[in-house]
PDB file of N, CA and C in Angstrom:
ATOM      1  N   MET A   1     101.582 -76.111  -8.358  1.00  0.00           N
ATOM      2  CA  MET A   1     100.991 -75.515  -9.588  1.00  0.00           C
ATOM      3  C   MET A   1     101.419 -73.804  -9.150  1.00  0.00           C
ATOM      4  N   THR A   2     102.182 -73.235 -10.166  1.00  0.00           N
ATOM      5  CA  THR A   2     102.521 -71.732  -9.790  1.00  0.00           C
ATOM      6  C   THR A   2     101.632 -71.170 -10.349  1.00  0.00           C
ATOM      7  N   MET A   3     101.018 -70.276  -9.729  1.00  0.00           N
ATOM      8  CA  MET A   3     100.094 -69.182  -9.903  1.00  0.00           C
ATOM      9  C   MET A   3     100.897 -67.918 -10.266  1.00  0.00           C
ATOM     10  N   LYS A   4     100.423 -67.114 -11.060  1.00  0.00           N
ATOM     11  CA  LYS A   4     100.485 -65.815 -11.411  1.00  0.00           C
ATOM     12  C   LYS A   4      99.847 -64.816 -10.583  1.00  0.00           C
ATOM     13  N   CYS A   5     100.411 -63.268 -10.358  1.00  0.00           N
ATOM     14  CA  CYS A   5      99.442 -62.582  -9.853  1.00  0.00           C
ATOM     15  C   CYS A   5      98.206 -62.245 -10.170  1.00  0.00           C
ATOM     16  N   SER A   6      98.047 -62.400 -11.562  1.00  0.00           N
ATOM     17  CA  SER A   6      96.684 -62.145 -11.968  1.00  0.00           C
ATOM     18  C   SER A   6      95.792 -63.075 -11.837  1.00  0.00           C
ATOM     19  N   GLU A   7      96.244 -64.466 -11.758  1.00  0.00           N
ATOM     20  CA  GLU A   7      95.354 -65.333 -11.370  1.00  0.00           C
ATOM     21  C   GLU A   7      95.111 -65.280  -9.712  1.00  0.00           C
ATOM     22  N   VAL A   8      95.897 -65.119  -9.145  1.00  0.00           N
ATOM     23  CA  VAL A   8      95.618 -65.032  -7.478  1.00  0.00           C
ATOM     24  C   VAL A   8      94.893 -63.914  -7.197  1.00  0.00           C
ATOM     25  N   LEU A   9      95.059 -62.737  -8.136  1.00  0.00           N
ATOM     26  CA  LEU A   9      93.938 -61.733  -7.786  1.00  0.00           C
ATOM     27  C   LEU A   9      92.371 -61.871  -8.278  1.00  0.00           C
ATOM     28  N   ALA A  10      92.334 -62.797  -9.374  1.00  0.00           N
ATOM     29  CA  ALA A  10      91.170 -63.047  -9.955  1.00  0.00           C
ATOM     30  C   ALA A  10      90.266 -63.998  -8.696  1.00  0.00           C
ATOM     31  N   CYS A  11      91.079 -64.472  -7.746  1.00  0.00           N
ATOM     32  CA  CYS A  11      90.184 -65.544  -6.787  1.00  0.00           C
ATOM     33  C   CYS A  11      90.564 -64.976  -5.743  1.00  0.00           C
ATOM     34  N   ILE A  12      90.789 -63.785  -5.548  1.00  0.00           N
ATOM     35  CA  ILE A  12      91.047 -63.389  -4.152  1.00  0.00           C
ATOM     36  C   ILE A  12      89.902 -63.253  -2.884  1.00  0.00           C
ATOM     37  N   SER A  13      88.621 -62.701  -3.523  1.00  0.00           N
ATOM     38  CA  SER A  13      87.564 -62.804  -2.586  1.00  0.00           C
ATOM     39  C   SER A  13      87.350 -64.058  -2.091  1.00  0.00           C
ATOM     40  N   GLU A  14      87.493 -65.014  -3.125  1.00  0.00           N
ATOM     41  CA  GLU A  14      86.868 -66.643  -2.817  1.00  0.00           C
ATOM     42  C   GLU A  14      87.937 -67.023  -1.750  1.00  0.00           C
ATOM     43  N   TYR A  15      89.403 -66.782  -1.918  1.00  0.00           N
ATOM     44  CA  TYR A  15      90.229 -67.298  -1.099  1.00  0.00           C
ATOM     45  C   TYR A  15      89.891 -66.513   0.323  1.00  0.00           C
ATOM     46  N   VAL A  16      89.935 -65.330   0.405  1.00  0.00           N
ATOM     47  CA  VAL A  16      89.565 -64.824   1.577  1.00  0.00           C
ATOM     48  C   VAL A  16      88.384 -65.125   2.352  1.00  0.00           C
ATOM     49  N   ASP A  17      87.470 -65.575   1.550  1.00  0.00           N
ATOM     50  CA  ASP A  17      85.993 -66.371   2.163  1.00  0.00           C
ATOM     51  C   ASP A  17      86.149 -67.800   2.270  1.00  0.00           C
ATOM     52  N   LYS A  18      87.405 -68.207   2.078  1.00  0.00           N
ATOM     53  CA  LYS A  18      87.842 -69.693   2.246  1.00  0.00           C
ATOM     54  C   LYS A  18      86.789 -70.507   1.427  1.00  0.00           C
ATOM     55  N   GLU A  19      86.568 -69.893   0.291  1.00  0.00           N
ATOM     56  CA  GLU A  19      85.797 -70.811  -0.580  1.00  0.00           C
ATOM     57  C   GLU A  19      86.363 -71.527  -1.792  1.00  0.00           C
ATOM     58  N   VAL A  20      87.771 -71.531  -1.964  1.00  0.00           N
ATOM     59  CA  VAL A  20      88.412 -72.085  -2.853  1.00  0.00           C
ATOM     60  C   VAL A  20      88.811 -73.037  -2.301  1.00  0.00           C
ATOM     61  N   CYS A  21      89.092 -74.451  -3.368  1.00  0.00           N
ATOM     62  CA  CYS A  21      89.297 -75.841  -3.075  1.00  0.00           C
ATOM     63  C   CYS A  21      90.823 -76.089  -2.420  1.00  0.00           C
ATOM     64  N   PRO A  22      91.068 -77.274  -1.791  1.00  0.00           N
ATOM     65  CA  PRO A  22      92.209 -77.331  -0.918  1.00  0.00           C
ATOM     66  C   PRO A  22      93.480 -77.039  -1.975  1.00  0.00           C
ATOM     67  N   ASP A  23      93.368 -77.553  -3.368  1.00  0.00           N
ATOM     68  CA  ASP A  23      94.839 -77.249  -4.266  1.00  0.00           C
ATOM     69  C   ASP A  23      94.787 -75.927  -4.518  1.00  0.00           C
ATOM     70  N   SER A  24      93.936 -75.181  -4.788  1.00  0.00           N
ATOM     71  CA  SER A  24      93.901 -73.561  -5.239  1.00  0.00           C
ATOM     72  C   SER A  24      94.420 -72.958  -4.002  1.00  0.00           C
ATOM     73  N   CYS A  25      93.605 -73.536  -2.889  1.00  0.00           N
ATOM     74  CA  CYS A  25      94.490 -72.484  -1.562  1.00  0.00           C
ATOM     75  C   CYS A  25      95.785 -72.737  -1.323  1.00  0.00           C
ATOM     76  N   SER A  26      96.289 -73.877  -1.758  1.00  0.00           N
ATOM     77  CA  SER A  26      97.865 -74.335  -1.531  1.00  0.00           C
ATOM     78  C   SER A  26      98.724 -73.358  -2.562  1.00  0.00           C
ATOM     79  N   ALA A  27      98.019 -73.599  -3.849  1.00  0.00           N
ATOM     80  CA  ALA A  27      98.835 -72.660  -4.614  1.00  0.00           C
ATOM     81  C   ALA A  27      98.945 -71.381  -4.613  1.00  0.00           C
ATOM     82  N   ILE A  28      97.678 -70.687  -4.040  1.00  0.00           N
ATOM     83  CA  ILE A  28      97.450 -69.105  -3.587  1.00  0.00           C
ATOM     84  C   ILE A  28      98.583 -68.801  -2.264  1.00  0.00           C
ATOM     85  N   GLU A  29      98.614 -69.851  -1.211  1.00  0.00           N
ATOM     86  CA  GLU A  29      99.834 -69.832  -0.421  1.00  0.00           C
ATOM     87  C   GLU A  29     101.038 -69.745  -0.844  1.00  0.00           C
ATOM     88  N   GLU A  30     101.327 -70.436  -1.718  1.00  0.00           N
ATOM     89  CA  GLU A  30     102.339 -70.461  -2.145  1.00  0.00           C
ATOM     90  C   GLU A  30     102.956 -69.334  -3.129  1.00  0.00           C
ATOM     91  N   HIS A  31     102.023 -68.668  -3.388  1.00  0.00           N
ATOM     92  CA  HIS A  31     102.468 -67.369  -4.245  1.00  0.00           C
ATOM     93  C   HIS A  31     102.594 -66.064  -3.386  1.00  0.00           C
ATOM     94  N   LEU A  32     101.625 -66.269  -2.382  1.00  0.00           N
ATOM     95  CA  LEU A  32     101.533 -65.341  -1.491  1.00  0.00           C
ATOM     96  C   LEU A  32     103.101 -65.349  -0.759  1.00  0.00           C
ATOM     97  N   ALA A  33     103.319 -66.566  -0.374  1.00  0.00           N
ATOM     98  CA  ALA A  33     104.769 -66.648   0.305  1.00  0.00           C
ATOM     99  C   ALA A  33     105.931 -65.914  -0.365  1.00  0.00           C
ATOM    100  N   LYS A  34     105.678 -65.671  -1.695  1.00  0.00           N
ATOM    101  CA  LYS A  34     106.768 -65.079  -2.703  1.00  0.00           C
ATOM    102  C   LYS A  34     106.701 -63.704  -3.001  1.00  0.00           C
ATOM    103  N   CYS A  35     105.233 -63.566  -2.836  1.00  0.00           N
ATOM    104  CA  CYS A  35     104.801 -62.090  -3.591  1.00  0.00           C
ATOM    105  C   CYS A  35     104.274 -61.080  -2.629  1.00  0.00           C
ATOM    106  N   SER A  36     105.006 -60.113  -2.360  1.00  0.00           N
ATOM    107  CA  SER A  36     104.384 -59.192  -1.199  1.00  0.00           C
ATOM    108  C   SER A  36     103.354 -58.036  -1.566  1.00  0.00           C
ATOM    109  N   HIS A  37     103.249 -58.032  -3.187  1.00  0.00           N
ATOM    110  CA  HIS A  37     101.874 -57.406  -3.450  1.00  0.00           C
ATOM    111  C   HIS A  37     100.971 -58.132  -3.381  1.00  0.00           C
ATOM    112  N   CYS A  38     100.668 -59.431  -3.662  1.00  0.00           N
ATOM    113  CA  CYS A  38      99.536 -60.214  -3.532  1.00  0.00           C
ATOM    114  C   CYS A  38      99.150 -60.285  -2.031  1.00  0.00           C
ATOM    115  N   ARG A  39     100.187 -60.405  -1.134  1.00  0.00           N
ATOM    116  CA  ARG A  39      99.986 -60.534   0.210  1.00  0.00           C
ATOM    117  C   ARG A  39      99.214 -59.587   0.815  1.00  0.00           C
ATOM    118  N   ALA A  40      99.821 -58.017   0.158  1.00  0.00           N
ATOM    119  CA  ALA A  40      99.187 -56.858   0.680  1.00  0.00           C
ATOM    120  C   ALA A  40      97.702 -57.068   0.221  1.00  0.00           C
ATOM    121  N   GLN A  41      97.725 -57.180  -0.903  1.00  0.00           N
ATOM    122  CA  GLN A  41      96.217 -57.009  -1.441  1.00  0.00           C
ATOM    123  C   GLN A  41      94.944 -57.732  -0.449  1.00  0.00           C
ATOM    124  N   VAL A  42      95.764 -59.360  -0.066  1.00  0.00           N
ATOM    125  CA  VAL A  42      94.701 -60.001   0.655  1.00  0.00           C
ATOM    126  C   VAL A  42      94.698 -59.479   2.199  1.00  0.00           C
ATOM    127  N   GLN A  43      95.924 -59.167   2.437  1.00  0.00           N
ATOM    128  CA  GLN A  43      95.653 -58.369   4.053  1.00  0.00           C
ATOM    129  C   GLN A  43      94.673 -56.952   4.031  1.00  0.00           C
ATOM    130  N   THR A  44      94.798 -56.468   3.112  1.00  0.00           N
ATOM    131  CA  THR A  44      93.957 -55.204   2.735  1.00  0.00           C
ATOM    132  C   THR A  44      92.381 -55.853   2.627  1.00  0.00           C
ATOM    133  N   ILE A  45      92.137 -56.649   1.965  1.00  0.00           N
ATOM    134  CA  ILE A  45      90.613 -57.169   1.555  1.00  0.00           C
ATOM    135  C   ILE A  45      90.100 -57.786   3.004  1.00  0.00           C
ATOM    136  N   THR A  46      91.054 -58.701   3.842  1.00  0.00           N
ATOM    137  CA  THR A  46      90.753 -59.508   5.105  1.00  0.00           C
ATOM    138  C   THR A  46      90.452 -58.273   5.855  1.00  0.00           C
ATOM    139  N   GLN A  47      91.011 -57.009   6.041  1.00  0.00           N
ATOM    140  CA  GLN A  47      90.911 -56.037   6.882  1.00  0.00           C
ATOM    141  C   GLN A  47      89.573 -55.293   6.554  1.00  0.00           C
ATOM    142  N   THR A  48      89.322 -55.235   5.114  1.00  0.00           N
ATOM    143  CA  THR A  48      87.947 -54.661   4.946  1.00  0.00           C
ATOM    144  C   THR A  48      86.983 -55.344   5.194  1.00  0.00           C
ATOM    145  N   VAL A  49      87.057 -56.478   4.919  1.00  0.00           N
ATOM    146  CA  VAL A  49      85.762 -57.503   5.489  1.00  0.00           C
ATOM    147  C   VAL A  49      85.577 -57.759   7.007  1.00  0.00           C
ATOM    148  N   THR A  50      86.677 -57.840   7.632  1.00  0.00           N
ATOM    149  CA  THR A  50      86.527 -57.700   9.182  1.00  0.00           C
ATOM    150  C   THR A  50      85.806 -56.536   9.638  1.00  0.00           C
ATOM    151  N   LEU A  51      86.045 -55.269   8.855  1.00  0.00           N
ATOM    152  CA  LEU A  51      85.670 -53.972   9.485  1.00  0.00           C
ATOM    153  C   LEU A  51      84.011 -53.927   9.187  1.00  0.00           C
ATOM    154  N   VAL A  52      83.773 -54.253   7.951  1.00  0.00           N
ATOM    155  CA  VAL A  52      82.206 -54.293   7.384  1.00  0.00           C
ATOM    156  C   VAL A  52      81.394 -55.368   8.287  1.00  0.00           C
ATOM    157  N   ARG A  53      82.248 -56.532   8.542  1.00  0.00           N
ATOM    158  CA  ARG A  53      81.289 -57.331   9.474  1.00  0.00           C
ATOM    159  C   ARG A  53      81.108 -56.808  11.034  1.00  0.00           C
ATOM    160  N   ARG A  54      82.218 -56.155  11.459  1.00  0.00           N
ATOM    161  CA  ARG A  54      81.724 -55.389  12.821  1.00  0.00           C
ATOM    162  C   ARG A  54      80.803 -54.115  12.690  1.00  0.00           C
ATOM    163  N   MET A  55      80.781 -53.567  11.605  1.00  0.00           N
ATOM    164  CA  MET A  55      79.750 -52.420  11.190  1.00  0.00           C
ATOM    165  C   MET A  55      78.604 -52.864  10.933  1.00  0.00           C
ATOM    166  N   LYS A  56      78.446 -54.008  10.573  1.00  0.00           N
ATOM    167  CA  LYS A  56      77.029 -54.713  10.168  1.00  0.00           C
ATOM    168  C   LYS A  56      75.980 -54.417  11.037  1.00  0.00           C
ATOM    169  N   ASN A  57      76.007 -54.223  12.268  1.00  0.00           N
ATOM    170  CA  ASN A  57      74.905 -53.915  12.994  1.00  0.00           C
ATOM    171  C   ASN A  57      74.809 -52.741  13.554  1.00  0.00           C
ATOM    172  N   CYS A  58      75.557 -51.626  13.097  1.00  0.00           N
ATOM    173  CA  CYS A  58      75.631 -50.407  13.079  1.00  0.00           C
ATOM    174  C   CYS A  58      74.535 -49.439  12.279  1.00  0.00           C
ATOM    175  N   CYS A  59      73.922 -48.691  12.904  1.00  0.00           N
ATOM    176  CA  CYS A  59      72.997 -47.952  11.952  1.00  0.00           C
ATOM    177  C   CYS A  59      73.394 -46.385  12.205  1.00  0.00           C
ATOM    178  N   ALA A  60      73.586 -45.568  11.089  1.00  0.00           N
ATOM    179  CA  ALA A  60      73.979 -44.088  10.809  1.00  0.00           C
ATOM    180  C   ALA A  60      72.733 -43.677  11.335  1.00  0.00           C
ATOM    181  N   GLN A  61      73.148 -42.525  12.143  1.00  0.00           N
ATOM    182  CA  GLN A  61      72.125 -41.454  12.672  1.00  0.00           C
ATOM    183  C   GLN A  61      71.376 -40.598  11.322  1.00  0.00           C
ATOM    184  N   LYS A  62      70.115 -40.166  11.645  1.00  0.00           N
ATOM    185  CA  LYS A  62      69.727 -39.661  10.344  1.00  0.00           C
ATOM    186  C   LYS A  62      70.189 -38.384   9.757  1.00  0.00           C
ATOM    187  N   ASP A  63      70.434 -37.629  10.724  1.00  0.00           N
ATOM    188  CA  ASP A  63      71.061 -36.311  10.134  1.00  0.00           C
ATOM    189  C   ASP A  63      72.517 -36.917   9.486  1.00  0.00           C
ATOM    190  N   MET A  64      73.350 -37.506   9.914  1.00  0.00           N
ATOM    191  CA  MET A  64      74.555 -38.138   9.245  1.00  0.00           C
ATOM    192  C   MET A  64      74.353 -38.390   7.870  1.00  0.00           C
ATOM    193  N   VAL A  65      73.169 -39.046   7.343  1.00  0.00           N
ATOM    194  CA  VAL A  65      72.590 -39.724   6.304  1.00  0.00           C
ATOM    195  C   VAL A  65      72.269 -38.736   5.429  1.00  0.00           C
ATOM    196  N   ILE A  66      71.438 -37.701   5.863  1.00  0.00           N
ATOM    197  CA  ILE A  66      71.082 -36.412   5.138  1.00  0.00           C
ATOM    198  C   ILE A  66      72.396 -35.682   4.545  1.00  0.00           C
ATOM    199  N   ARG A  67      73.516 -35.262   5.559  1.00  0.00           N
ATOM    200  CA  ARG A  67      74.435 -34.618   5.347  1.00  0.00           C
ATOM    201  C   ARG A  67      75.361 -35.475   4.151  1.00  0.00           C
ATOM    202  N   LEU A  68      75.510 -36.649   4.363  1.00  0.00           N
ATOM    203  CA  LEU A  68      76.248 -37.342   3.301  1.00  0.00           C
ATOM    204  C   LEU A  68      75.457 -37.461   1.729  1.00  0.00           C
ATOM    205  N   GLN A  69      74.196 -37.541   1.782  1.00  0.00           N
ATOM    206  CA  GLN A  69      73.433 -37.529   0.571  1.00  0.00           C
ATOM    207  C   GLN A  69      73.651 -35.864  -0.114  1.00  0.00           C
ATOM    208  N   ARG A  70      73.479 -35.111   0.659  1.00  0.00           N
ATOM    209  CA  ARG A  70      73.448 -33.657   0.202  1.00  0.00           C
ATOM    210  C   ARG A  70      75.127 -33.434  -0.528  1.00  0.00           C
ATOM    211  N   ARG A  71      75.871 -33.793   0.310  1.00  0.00           N
ATOM    212  CA  ARG A  71      77.447 -33.807  -0.198  1.00  0.00           C
ATOM    213  C   ARG A  71      77.586 -34.731  -1.308  1.00  0.00           C
ATOM    214  N   ILE A  72      76.882 -35.884  -1.634  1.00  0.00           N
ATOM    215  CA  ILE A  72      77.137 -36.634  -2.718  1.00  0.00           C
ATOM    216  C   ILE A  72      76.389 -35.574  -3.826  1.00  0.00           C
ATOM    217  N   VAL A  73      75.302 -35.063  -3.793  1.00  0.00           N
ATOM    218  CA  VAL A  73      74.757 -34.378  -4.829  1.00  0.00           C
ATOM    219  C   VAL A  73      75.812 -33.162  -5.215  1.00  0.00           C
ATOM    220  N   ARG A  74      76.137 -32.609  -4.243  1.00  0.00           N
ATOM    221  CA  ARG A  74      77.188 -31.612  -4.693  1.00  0.00           C
ATOM    222  C   ARG A  74      78.453 -31.822  -5.421  1.00  0.00           C
ATOM    223  N   ILE A  75      78.772 -33.265  -4.871  1.00  0.00           N
ATOM    224  CA  ILE A  75      80.012 -33.790  -5.895  1.00  0.00           C
ATOM    225  C   ILE A  75      79.278 -33.997  -7.224  1.00  0.00           C
ATOM    226  N   ASP A  76      78.256 -34.670  -7.375  1.00  0.00           N
ATOM    227  CA  ASP A  76      77.857 -35.186  -8.604  1.00  0.00           C
ATOM    228  C   ASP A  76      77.484 -33.760  -9.658  1.00  0.00           C
ATOM    229  N   ARG A  77      77.424 -32.732  -9.041  1.00  0.00           N
ATOM    230  CA  ARG A  77      77.327 -31.367  -9.756  1.00  0.00           C
ATOM    231  C   ARG A  77      78.588 -30.341  -9.576  1.00  0.00           C
ATOM    232  N   GLY A  78      79.639 -30.902  -9.161  1.00  0.00           N
ATOM    233  CA  GLY A  78      80.688 -30.634  -9.466  1.00  0.00           C
ATOM    234  C   GLY A  78      81.089 -29.351  -8.435  1.00  0.00           C
ATOM    235  N   LYS A  79      80.497 -28.969  -7.213  1.00  0.00           N
ATOM    236  CA  LYS A  79      80.800 -28.242  -6.623  1.00  0.00           C
ATOM    237  C   LYS A  79      81.767 -28.354  -5.263  1.00  0.00           C
ATOM    238  N   LEU A  80      82.280 -29.677  -5.458  1.00  0.00           N
ATOM    239  CA  LEU A  80      82.954 -29.817  -4.320  1.00  0.00           C
ATOM    240  C   LEU A  80      84.527 -30.190  -4.999  1.00  0.00           C
TER     241      LEU A  80
END
């Protein structure tokens, strides 16, 4: 089964999370072997998931949260 980029990108999260069936996994991997764009997308999502999992137990300091909230308000008001 040959997949198009749009088909791969539609199920990329499930692929990264290893939630696709073996046939779909094989088809995706066949596509990734030929498509550098989709390979880059998978790599980016994989790295993002890894970083988020590492940060799962991190807590932001209260002053950082307050500064971030103030900055978001300024951005929303068009002042940044």
